Amino acid sequence: MFRSFLALALAGAVTAAPAVEPGAPPGTPDNSNIPVAPEWKEAEAPPPPALRTSGLIAIDVAGTSLHYGVDPKSITIGADRVVRYVVVATSNTGAVNGIYEGLRCDGGMVKVYARYNPDSGWVPTPDGEWLSVRDGSAARRHSLAIARGGACTEHTPNGSPSRIAADLRAPADERYRGGGVSR
């Protein structure tokens, strides 16, 4: 009799269980009421700001003779959650290169929107594409240093442009005190 009761109880529990996705492991809750996140879409990047070479936040980039700095006044976070900024690379001979780029913290990707040419100003990069900052490319080491140094906390932008600038300026052991996650 106990077996009959147990069998009926189990049968009732199975029929009362909420529907789950086919192939989902047993005990998986019904996630049908969770909205599907819309596919990410990049917003149109604003034009690059005027190139500034003073007041830059120095960025330590290993393995290069160039000196990098981020213009704190150029840092923005778009509605698409892309952190955009101008980074200035200066050689030991004094040659200056400006790069207007964006970071996607959610995927560790960077895109160059424009490059500064001393003769003609900002030149858009029409075929700019999102590239990984983690692939070891020398051309993107500065982007990885900026992402890790204060632009991103885990997979999101680090709060606000002023928070990003403050963390980029701070010594490594004092970053992310404004609510971010130290890595």
N, C-alpha and C. Protein backbone atom coordinates (compact mmCIF):
# COMPACT_ATOMS: atom_id res chain seq x y z
N MET A 1 0.82 -1.18 0.00
CA MET A 1 0.00 0.00 0.00
C MET A 1 0.87 1.26 0.00
N PHE A 2 1.96 1.22 0.77
CA PHE A 2 2.86 2.36 0.81
C PHE A 2 3.43 2.65 -0.57
N ARG A 3 3.77 1.55 -1.33
CA ARG A 3 4.31 1.73 -2.68
C ARG A 3 3.27 2.38 -3.59
N SER A 4 2.05 2.02 -3.47
CA SER A 4 0.98 2.61 -4.29
C SER A 4 0.84 4.09 -3.97
N PHE A 5 0.88 4.40 -2.68
CA PHE A 5 0.78 5.80 -2.26
C PHE A 5 1.96 6.62 -2.79
N LEU A 6 3.18 6.05 -2.68
CA LEU A 6 4.39 6.72 -3.16
C LEU A 6 4.32 6.93 -4.66
N ALA A 7 3.86 5.93 -5.40
CA ALA A 7 3.75 6.04 -6.86
C ALA A 7 2.76 7.13 -7.24
N LEU A 8 1.64 7.20 -6.56
CA LEU A 8 0.65 8.24 -6.84
C LEU A 8 1.19 9.63 -6.50
N ALA A 9 1.89 9.74 -5.40
CA ALA A 9 2.47 11.03 -5.00
C ALA A 9 3.49 11.50 -6.01
N LEU A 10 4.36 10.59 -6.48
CA LEU A 10 5.37 10.97 -7.48
C LEU A 10 4.71 11.34 -8.79
N ALA A 11 3.70 10.60 -9.20
CA ALA A 11 3.00 10.91 -10.45
C ALA A 11 2.36 12.29 -10.36
N GLY A 12 1.79 12.62 -9.24
CA GLY A 12 1.18 13.94 -9.05
C GLY A 12 2.22 15.04 -9.07
N ALA A 13 3.40 14.79 -8.50
CA ALA A 13 4.46 15.80 -8.48
C ALA A 13 4.99 16.05 -9.88
N VAL A 14 5.09 14.98 -10.67
CA VAL A 14 5.60 15.14 -12.03
C VAL A 14 4.62 15.93 -12.87
N THR A 15 3.34 15.65 -12.76
CA THR A 15 2.36 16.36 -13.58
C THR A 15 2.18 17.79 -13.12
N ALA A 16 2.49 18.10 -11.85
CA ALA A 16 2.34 19.46 -11.34
C ALA A 16 3.59 20.29 -11.58
N ALA A 17 4.69 19.65 -11.99
CA ALA A 17 5.95 20.38 -12.19
C ALA A 17 5.80 21.34 -13.36
N PRO A 18 6.41 22.52 -13.25
CA PRO A 18 6.32 23.48 -14.35
C PRO A 18 7.08 22.97 -15.57
N ALA A 19 6.67 23.45 -16.73
CA ALA A 19 7.33 23.06 -17.97
C ALA A 19 8.73 23.65 -18.01
N VAL A 20 9.66 22.89 -18.55
CA VAL A 20 11.03 23.37 -18.71
C VAL A 20 11.43 23.18 -20.16
N GLU A 21 12.52 23.80 -20.53
CA GLU A 21 12.99 23.67 -21.89
C GLU A 21 13.37 22.23 -22.18
N PRO A 22 13.11 21.74 -23.41
CA PRO A 22 13.50 20.38 -23.75
C PRO A 22 15.01 20.22 -23.58
N GLY A 23 15.42 19.12 -23.00
CA GLY A 23 16.84 18.85 -22.81
C GLY A 23 17.43 19.51 -21.58
N ALA A 24 16.62 20.28 -20.83
CA ALA A 24 17.12 20.92 -19.62
C ALA A 24 17.30 19.87 -18.53
N PRO A 25 18.31 20.02 -17.68
CA PRO A 25 18.52 19.04 -16.62
C PRO A 25 17.34 19.00 -15.66
N PRO A 26 17.10 17.86 -15.03
CA PRO A 26 16.00 17.77 -14.06
C PRO A 26 16.16 18.82 -12.98
N GLY A 27 15.05 19.38 -12.55
CA GLY A 27 15.08 20.39 -11.50
C GLY A 27 15.30 21.79 -12.01
N THR A 28 15.44 21.96 -13.33
CA THR A 28 15.64 23.29 -13.89
C THR A 28 14.33 24.07 -13.81
N PRO A 29 14.35 25.28 -13.27
CA PRO A 29 13.10 26.05 -13.18
C PRO A 29 12.63 26.51 -14.56
N ASP A 30 11.36 26.81 -14.63
CA ASP A 30 10.78 27.34 -15.85
C ASP A 30 11.23 28.79 -16.00
N ASN A 31 11.97 29.08 -17.07
CA ASN A 31 12.50 30.43 -17.28
C ASN A 31 11.71 31.19 -18.34
N SER A 32 10.52 30.75 -18.65
CA SER A 32 9.76 31.38 -19.72
C SER A 32 9.33 32.80 -19.39
N ASN A 33 9.31 33.17 -18.12
CA ASN A 33 8.89 34.53 -17.77
C ASN A 33 10.05 35.52 -17.73
N ILE A 34 11.26 35.06 -18.02
CA ILE A 34 12.41 35.96 -18.04
C ILE A 34 12.51 36.54 -19.45
N PRO A 35 12.48 37.87 -19.59
CA PRO A 35 12.53 38.45 -20.94
C PRO A 35 13.88 38.19 -21.59
N VAL A 36 13.85 38.03 -22.89
CA VAL A 36 15.07 37.83 -23.65
C VAL A 36 15.73 39.19 -23.86
N ALA A 37 17.03 39.26 -23.55
CA ALA A 37 17.75 40.53 -23.73
C ALA A 37 17.84 40.84 -25.21
N PRO A 38 17.59 42.09 -25.58
CA PRO A 38 17.68 42.44 -27.00
C PRO A 38 19.13 42.32 -27.46
N GLU A 39 19.30 42.04 -28.72
CA GLU A 39 20.65 41.93 -29.29
C GLU A 39 21.33 43.29 -29.18
N TRP A 40 22.61 43.28 -28.83
CA TRP A 40 23.36 44.53 -28.67
C TRP A 40 23.47 45.23 -30.01
N LYS A 41 23.26 46.54 -29.97
CA LYS A 41 23.39 47.35 -31.18
C LYS A 41 24.23 48.58 -30.83
N GLU A 42 25.25 48.81 -31.61
CA GLU A 42 26.14 49.94 -31.36
C GLU A 42 25.46 51.25 -31.75
N ALA A 43 25.58 52.22 -30.87
CA ALA A 43 25.09 53.57 -31.18
C ALA A 43 26.11 54.27 -32.06
N GLU A 44 25.66 55.27 -32.77
CA GLU A 44 26.59 56.04 -33.59
C GLU A 44 27.53 56.80 -32.66
N ALA A 45 28.82 56.65 -32.91
CA ALA A 45 29.81 57.32 -32.07
C ALA A 45 29.81 58.82 -32.37
N PRO A 46 29.87 59.63 -31.32
CA PRO A 46 29.98 61.07 -31.56
C PRO A 46 31.33 61.36 -32.21
N PRO A 47 31.46 62.52 -32.84
CA PRO A 47 32.75 62.85 -33.45
C PRO A 47 33.82 62.98 -32.37
N PRO A 48 35.07 62.75 -32.74
CA PRO A 48 36.14 62.87 -31.74
C PRO A 48 36.28 64.31 -31.25
N PRO A 49 36.60 64.47 -29.97
CA PRO A 49 36.82 65.83 -29.45
C PRO A 49 38.16 66.36 -29.93
N ALA A 50 38.39 67.63 -29.71
CA ALA A 50 39.68 68.22 -30.07
C ALA A 50 40.80 67.47 -29.35
N LEU A 51 41.91 67.28 -30.03
CA LEU A 51 43.04 66.57 -29.43
C LEU A 51 43.71 67.46 -28.40
N ARG A 52 43.85 66.92 -27.20
CA ARG A 52 44.57 67.61 -26.12
C ARG A 52 45.80 66.78 -25.78
N THR A 53 46.90 67.45 -25.56
CA THR A 53 48.12 66.74 -25.17
C THR A 53 48.58 67.11 -23.77
N SER A 54 47.81 67.94 -23.09
CA SER A 54 48.14 68.26 -21.69
C SER A 54 47.02 67.76 -20.79
N GLY A 55 47.36 67.49 -19.55
CA GLY A 55 46.36 67.00 -18.59
C GLY A 55 45.98 65.55 -18.81
N LEU A 56 46.80 64.81 -19.53
CA LEU A 56 46.50 63.40 -19.80
C LEU A 56 46.76 62.54 -18.58
N ILE A 57 46.02 61.46 -18.46
CA ILE A 57 46.25 60.46 -17.42
C ILE A 57 47.22 59.43 -18.00
N ALA A 58 48.41 59.33 -17.41
CA ALA A 58 49.43 58.40 -17.91
C ALA A 58 48.95 56.96 -17.74
N ILE A 59 49.18 56.17 -18.78
CA ILE A 59 48.82 54.75 -18.78
C ILE A 59 50.11 53.96 -18.96
N ASP A 60 50.37 53.05 -18.03
CA ASP A 60 51.57 52.21 -18.10
C ASP A 60 51.29 51.03 -19.02
N VAL A 61 52.03 50.98 -20.13
CA VAL A 61 51.87 49.90 -21.10
C VAL A 61 53.22 49.21 -21.24
N ALA A 62 53.28 47.97 -20.80
CA ALA A 62 54.52 47.20 -20.85
C ALA A 62 54.89 46.84 -22.28
N GLY A 63 56.18 46.75 -22.53
CA GLY A 63 56.67 46.27 -23.82
C GLY A 63 56.65 47.28 -24.94
N THR A 64 56.65 48.56 -24.63
CA THR A 64 56.65 49.58 -25.68
C THR A 64 57.49 50.77 -25.24
N SER A 65 58.02 51.47 -26.20
CA SER A 65 58.77 52.70 -25.88
C SER A 65 57.87 53.93 -25.97
N LEU A 66 56.63 53.75 -26.40
CA LEU A 66 55.69 54.87 -26.48
C LEU A 66 55.16 55.21 -25.09
N HIS A 67 54.80 56.47 -24.91
CA HIS A 67 54.18 56.95 -23.68
C HIS A 67 52.71 57.21 -23.98
N TYR A 68 51.83 56.57 -23.23
CA TYR A 68 50.40 56.68 -23.48
C TYR A 68 49.72 57.51 -22.41
N GLY A 69 48.68 58.23 -22.83
CA GLY A 69 47.87 58.99 -21.89
C GLY A 69 46.45 59.12 -22.40
N VAL A 70 45.49 59.08 -21.47
CA VAL A 70 44.07 59.23 -21.81
C VAL A 70 43.65 60.65 -21.44
N ASP A 71 42.93 61.28 -22.34
CA ASP A 71 42.37 62.60 -22.06
C ASP A 71 41.13 62.40 -21.20
N PRO A 72 41.17 62.80 -19.92
CA PRO A 72 40.02 62.55 -19.04
C PRO A 72 38.75 63.27 -19.50
N LYS A 73 38.90 64.39 -20.20
CA LYS A 73 37.72 65.14 -20.66
C LYS A 73 37.05 64.46 -21.85
N SER A 74 37.72 63.49 -22.46
CA SER A 74 37.16 62.81 -23.62
C SER A 74 36.39 61.55 -23.26
N ILE A 75 36.45 61.11 -22.01
CA ILE A 75 35.82 59.84 -21.61
C ILE A 75 34.30 60.00 -21.57
N THR A 76 33.62 59.10 -22.28
CA THR A 76 32.15 59.06 -22.27
C THR A 76 31.71 57.60 -22.18
N ILE A 77 30.47 57.42 -21.73
CA ILE A 77 29.85 56.10 -21.77
C ILE A 77 28.55 56.27 -22.54
N GLY A 78 28.44 55.59 -23.67
CA GLY A 78 27.26 55.73 -24.51
C GLY A 78 26.09 54.91 -24.02
N ALA A 79 24.93 55.16 -24.62
CA ALA A 79 23.73 54.39 -24.31
C ALA A 79 23.94 52.91 -24.66
N ASP A 80 24.89 52.63 -25.54
CA ASP A 80 25.22 51.26 -25.93
C ASP A 80 26.24 50.62 -24.98
N ARG A 81 26.58 51.36 -23.90
CA ARG A 81 27.52 50.93 -22.86
C ARG A 81 28.96 50.81 -23.38
N VAL A 82 29.28 51.53 -24.42
CA VAL A 82 30.65 51.59 -24.93
C VAL A 82 31.35 52.77 -24.26
N VAL A 83 32.53 52.50 -23.71
CA VAL A 83 33.36 53.55 -23.12
C VAL A 83 34.22 54.11 -24.25
N ARG A 84 34.02 55.39 -24.56
CA ARG A 84 34.78 56.03 -25.64
C ARG A 84 35.70 57.07 -25.03
N TYR A 85 36.89 57.23 -25.64
CA TYR A 85 37.90 58.14 -25.11
C TYR A 85 38.96 58.38 -26.17
N VAL A 86 39.80 59.38 -25.91
CA VAL A 86 40.95 59.64 -26.76
C VAL A 86 42.20 59.24 -25.99
N VAL A 87 43.02 58.45 -26.63
CA VAL A 87 44.31 58.07 -26.06
C VAL A 87 45.39 58.69 -26.95
N VAL A 88 46.41 59.24 -26.29
CA VAL A 88 47.51 59.89 -27.02
C VAL A 88 48.77 59.07 -26.80
N ALA A 89 49.42 58.72 -27.90
CA ALA A 89 50.69 57.99 -27.85
C ALA A 89 51.80 58.94 -28.30
N THR A 90 52.83 59.08 -27.47
CA THR A 90 53.94 59.98 -27.78
C THR A 90 55.23 59.17 -27.81
N SER A 91 56.02 59.37 -28.86
CA SER A 91 57.29 58.66 -28.97
C SER A 91 58.38 59.41 -28.21
N ASN A 92 59.52 58.78 -28.06
CA ASN A 92 60.66 59.42 -27.39
C ASN A 92 61.18 60.63 -28.17
N THR A 93 60.89 60.68 -29.47
CA THR A 93 61.32 61.81 -30.29
C THR A 93 60.30 62.94 -30.29
N GLY A 94 59.14 62.72 -29.65
CA GLY A 94 58.13 63.77 -29.56
C GLY A 94 56.99 63.65 -30.56
N ALA A 95 57.01 62.63 -31.42
CA ALA A 95 55.91 62.44 -32.36
C ALA A 95 54.65 62.07 -31.58
N VAL A 96 53.53 62.69 -31.96
CA VAL A 96 52.26 62.49 -31.25
C VAL A 96 51.24 61.83 -32.17
N ASN A 97 50.59 60.80 -31.64
CA ASN A 97 49.50 60.13 -32.35
C ASN A 97 48.29 60.11 -31.44
N GLY A 98 47.15 60.47 -31.97
CA GLY A 98 45.91 60.42 -31.22
C GLY A 98 45.02 59.33 -31.77
N ILE A 99 44.34 58.62 -30.88
CA ILE A 99 43.44 57.55 -31.29
C ILE A 99 42.13 57.73 -30.53
N TYR A 100 41.03 57.81 -31.28
CA TYR A 100 39.70 57.89 -30.68
C TYR A 100 39.12 56.49 -30.78
N GLU A 101 38.91 55.85 -29.61
CA GLU A 101 38.48 54.47 -29.64
C GLU A 101 37.39 54.20 -28.61
N GLY A 102 36.79 53.03 -28.73
CA GLY A 102 35.75 52.61 -27.81
C GLY A 102 36.02 51.22 -27.28
N LEU A 103 35.66 51.00 -26.02
CA LEU A 103 35.81 49.70 -25.36
C LEU A 103 34.44 49.11 -25.07
N ARG A 104 34.27 47.85 -25.41
CA ARG A 104 33.09 47.09 -24.98
C ARG A 104 33.54 46.20 -23.84
N CYS A 105 33.19 46.59 -22.64
CA CYS A 105 33.60 45.84 -21.46
C CYS A 105 32.97 44.46 -21.42
N ASP A 106 31.77 44.32 -22.00
CA ASP A 106 31.06 43.04 -21.94
C ASP A 106 31.73 41.95 -22.77
N GLY A 107 32.60 42.32 -23.68
CA GLY A 107 33.25 41.31 -24.51
C GLY A 107 34.75 41.48 -24.63
N GLY A 108 35.30 42.47 -23.94
CA GLY A 108 36.74 42.70 -24.05
C GLY A 108 37.16 43.07 -25.46
N MET A 109 36.39 43.98 -26.07
CA MET A 109 36.64 44.37 -27.46
C MET A 109 36.92 45.86 -27.55
N VAL A 110 37.70 46.24 -28.56
CA VAL A 110 38.01 47.64 -28.80
C VAL A 110 37.82 47.94 -30.29
N LYS A 111 37.44 49.17 -30.55
CA LYS A 111 37.25 49.62 -31.93
C LYS A 111 37.85 51.02 -32.07
N VAL A 112 38.60 51.24 -33.13
CA VAL A 112 39.16 52.56 -33.42
C VAL A 112 38.20 53.29 -34.34
N TYR A 113 37.76 54.49 -33.90
CA TYR A 113 36.85 55.31 -34.69
C TYR A 113 37.58 56.31 -35.57
N ALA A 114 38.70 56.83 -35.06
CA ALA A 114 39.46 57.83 -35.83
C ALA A 114 40.89 57.89 -35.31
N ARG A 115 41.77 58.35 -36.17
CA ARG A 115 43.18 58.57 -35.81
C ARG A 115 43.51 60.03 -36.12
N TYR A 116 44.38 60.57 -35.29
CA TYR A 116 44.75 61.98 -35.47
C TYR A 116 45.98 62.08 -36.35
N ASN A 117 45.88 62.92 -37.37
CA ASN A 117 46.99 63.21 -38.27
C ASN A 117 47.34 64.68 -38.07
N PRO A 118 48.59 65.01 -37.68
CA PRO A 118 48.95 66.41 -37.43
C PRO A 118 48.68 67.34 -38.62
N ASP A 119 48.71 66.81 -39.84
CA ASP A 119 48.49 67.64 -41.02
C ASP A 119 47.01 67.87 -41.33
N SER A 120 46.16 66.88 -41.00
CA SER A 120 44.75 67.01 -41.41
C SER A 120 43.76 66.85 -40.27
N GLY A 121 44.22 66.66 -39.05
CA GLY A 121 43.31 66.48 -37.92
C GLY A 121 42.80 65.05 -37.83
N TRP A 122 41.59 64.89 -37.32
CA TRP A 122 41.02 63.56 -37.13
C TRP A 122 40.62 62.96 -38.47
N VAL A 123 41.04 61.72 -38.70
CA VAL A 123 40.69 60.99 -39.91
C VAL A 123 39.88 59.77 -39.49
N PRO A 124 38.60 59.71 -39.88
CA PRO A 124 37.77 58.57 -39.48
C PRO A 124 38.32 57.25 -40.01
N THR A 125 38.08 56.21 -39.26
CA THR A 125 38.46 54.86 -39.66
C THR A 125 37.18 54.18 -40.15
N PRO A 126 36.90 54.26 -41.44
CA PRO A 126 35.61 53.79 -41.94
C PRO A 126 35.40 52.29 -41.79
N ASP A 127 36.45 51.52 -41.81
CA ASP A 127 36.29 50.06 -41.73
C ASP A 127 36.66 49.53 -40.35
N GLY A 128 36.53 50.38 -39.34
CA GLY A 128 36.85 49.95 -37.98
C GLY A 128 35.99 48.77 -37.57
N GLU A 129 36.61 47.81 -36.94
CA GLU A 129 35.87 46.64 -36.47
C GLU A 129 36.24 46.36 -35.02
N TRP A 130 35.37 45.63 -34.33
CA TRP A 130 35.62 45.27 -32.94
C TRP A 130 36.65 44.14 -32.90
N LEU A 131 37.73 44.38 -32.14
CA LEU A 131 38.82 43.41 -32.02
C LEU A 131 39.08 43.12 -30.54
N SER A 132 39.56 41.94 -30.25
CA SER A 132 39.82 41.55 -28.87
C SER A 132 41.02 42.32 -28.31
N VAL A 133 40.88 42.76 -27.07
CA VAL A 133 42.02 43.41 -26.40
C VAL A 133 42.93 42.37 -25.75
N ARG A 134 42.49 41.12 -25.73
CA ARG A 134 43.24 40.06 -25.05
C ARG A 134 44.08 39.21 -25.98
N ASP A 135 44.15 39.55 -27.26
CA ASP A 135 44.85 38.68 -28.20
C ASP A 135 46.36 38.88 -28.23
N GLY A 136 46.88 39.76 -27.38
CA GLY A 136 48.33 39.96 -27.30
C GLY A 136 48.89 40.90 -28.35
N SER A 137 48.03 41.49 -29.18
CA SER A 137 48.48 42.39 -30.22
C SER A 137 49.12 43.64 -29.62
N ALA A 138 50.28 44.00 -30.12
CA ALA A 138 50.96 45.20 -29.64
C ALA A 138 50.12 46.45 -29.89
N ALA A 139 49.32 46.43 -30.95
CA ALA A 139 48.49 47.59 -31.29
C ALA A 139 47.33 47.80 -30.32
N ARG A 140 47.04 46.78 -29.49
CA ARG A 140 45.91 46.90 -28.57
C ARG A 140 46.32 46.75 -27.10
N ARG A 141 47.61 46.72 -26.81
CA ARG A 141 48.06 46.61 -25.41
C ARG A 141 47.59 47.80 -24.57
N HIS A 142 47.63 48.98 -25.17
CA HIS A 142 47.17 50.15 -24.41
C HIS A 142 45.68 50.05 -24.08
N SER A 143 44.90 49.49 -24.98
CA SER A 143 43.46 49.34 -24.75
C SER A 143 43.20 48.38 -23.60
N LEU A 144 43.95 47.30 -23.53
CA LEU A 144 43.83 46.35 -22.43
C LEU A 144 44.22 47.02 -21.12
N ALA A 145 45.29 47.81 -21.13
CA ALA A 145 45.72 48.52 -19.92
C ALA A 145 44.65 49.52 -19.46
N ILE A 146 43.98 50.17 -20.39
CA ILE A 146 42.92 51.12 -20.04
C ILE A 146 41.71 50.38 -19.48
N ALA A 147 41.35 49.27 -20.12
CA ALA A 147 40.21 48.47 -19.63
C ALA A 147 40.46 47.98 -18.22
N ARG A 148 41.63 47.41 -17.98
CA ARG A 148 41.96 46.87 -16.66
C ARG A 148 42.27 47.95 -15.63
N GLY A 149 42.74 49.09 -16.11
CA GLY A 149 43.16 50.16 -15.21
C GLY A 149 42.05 51.03 -14.67
N GLY A 150 40.84 50.88 -15.19
CA GLY A 150 39.78 51.71 -14.65
C GLY A 150 38.55 51.86 -15.52
N ALA A 151 38.63 51.53 -16.81
CA ALA A 151 37.47 51.73 -17.68
C ALA A 151 36.38 50.69 -17.45
N CYS A 152 36.77 49.48 -17.11
CA CYS A 152 35.79 48.39 -16.95
C CYS A 152 35.90 47.76 -15.58
N THR A 153 34.76 47.37 -15.03
CA THR A 153 34.72 46.52 -13.84
C THR A 153 34.03 45.25 -14.29
N GLU A 154 34.79 44.18 -14.27
CA GLU A 154 34.29 42.90 -14.78
C GLU A 154 33.80 43.11 -16.22
N HIS A 155 32.49 43.03 -16.45
CA HIS A 155 31.97 43.11 -17.81
C HIS A 155 31.13 44.35 -18.05
N THR A 156 31.31 45.38 -17.24
CA THR A 156 30.52 46.60 -17.39
C THR A 156 31.42 47.82 -17.28
N PRO A 157 30.98 48.95 -17.84
CA PRO A 157 31.73 50.19 -17.64
C PRO A 157 31.79 50.52 -16.15
N ASN A 158 32.88 51.15 -15.75
CA ASN A 158 33.15 51.46 -14.34
C ASN A 158 32.38 52.69 -13.86
N GLY A 159 31.08 52.59 -13.82
CA GLY A 159 30.25 53.64 -13.23
C GLY A 159 30.02 54.86 -14.09
N SER A 160 30.96 55.79 -14.08
CA SER A 160 30.79 57.07 -14.77
C SER A 160 32.14 57.50 -15.35
N PRO A 161 32.12 58.45 -16.27
CA PRO A 161 33.41 58.95 -16.79
C PRO A 161 34.33 59.47 -15.69
N SER A 162 33.77 60.16 -14.69
CA SER A 162 34.63 60.67 -13.62
C SER A 162 35.20 59.54 -12.77
N ARG A 163 34.43 58.47 -12.55
CA ARG A 163 34.93 57.30 -11.81
C ARG A 163 36.04 56.62 -12.60
N ILE A 164 35.86 56.50 -13.91
CA ILE A 164 36.89 55.89 -14.76
C ILE A 164 38.17 56.70 -14.67
N ALA A 165 38.06 58.03 -14.80
CA ALA A 165 39.25 58.89 -14.73
C ALA A 165 39.93 58.77 -13.37
N ALA A 166 39.14 58.74 -12.30
CA ALA A 166 39.72 58.64 -10.95
C ALA A 166 40.47 57.32 -10.79
N ASP A 167 39.90 56.22 -11.28
CA ASP A 167 40.58 54.93 -11.14
C ASP A 167 41.80 54.82 -12.04
N LEU A 168 41.74 55.41 -13.23
CA LEU A 168 42.92 55.41 -14.10
C LEU A 168 44.08 56.17 -13.45
N ARG A 169 43.76 57.22 -12.70
CA ARG A 169 44.79 58.02 -12.02
C ARG A 169 45.34 57.33 -10.78
N ALA A 170 44.53 56.54 -10.11
CA ALA A 170 44.88 55.96 -8.82
C ALA A 170 45.94 54.87 -8.93
N PRO A 171 46.75 54.71 -7.89
CA PRO A 171 47.66 53.56 -7.86
C PRO A 171 46.83 52.27 -7.92
N ALA A 172 47.42 51.23 -8.47
CA ALA A 172 46.68 49.98 -8.70
C ALA A 172 45.98 49.45 -7.45
N ASP A 173 46.61 49.58 -6.29
CA ASP A 173 46.00 49.02 -5.08
C ASP A 173 44.90 49.90 -4.50
N GLU A 174 44.64 51.06 -5.10
CA GLU A 174 43.59 51.95 -4.60
C GLU A 174 42.45 52.13 -5.59
N ARG A 175 42.47 51.38 -6.68
CA ARG A 175 41.41 51.49 -7.69
C ARG A 175 40.15 50.78 -7.24
N TYR A 176 39.06 51.18 -7.83
CA TYR A 176 37.76 50.55 -7.64
C TYR A 176 37.24 50.70 -6.21
N ARG A 177 37.59 51.77 -5.55
CA ARG A 177 37.07 52.00 -4.20
C ARG A 177 35.66 52.58 -4.24
N GLY A 178 35.23 53.03 -5.41
CA GLY A 178 33.91 53.65 -5.53
C GLY A 178 32.82 52.65 -5.86
N GLY A 179 33.00 51.40 -5.48
CA GLY A 179 31.95 50.41 -5.71
C GLY A 179 32.30 49.39 -6.77
N GLY A 180 33.44 49.53 -7.41
CA GLY A 180 33.84 48.57 -8.44
C GLY A 180 34.46 47.33 -7.82
N VAL A 181 34.86 46.43 -8.66
CA VAL A 181 35.44 45.17 -8.22
C VAL A 181 36.90 45.17 -8.61
N SER A 182 37.78 45.06 -7.63
CA SER A 182 39.21 45.03 -7.90
C SER A 182 39.57 43.69 -8.52
N ARG A 183 40.42 43.72 -9.53
CA ARG A 183 40.84 42.47 -10.20
C ARG A 183 42.28 42.20 -9.92
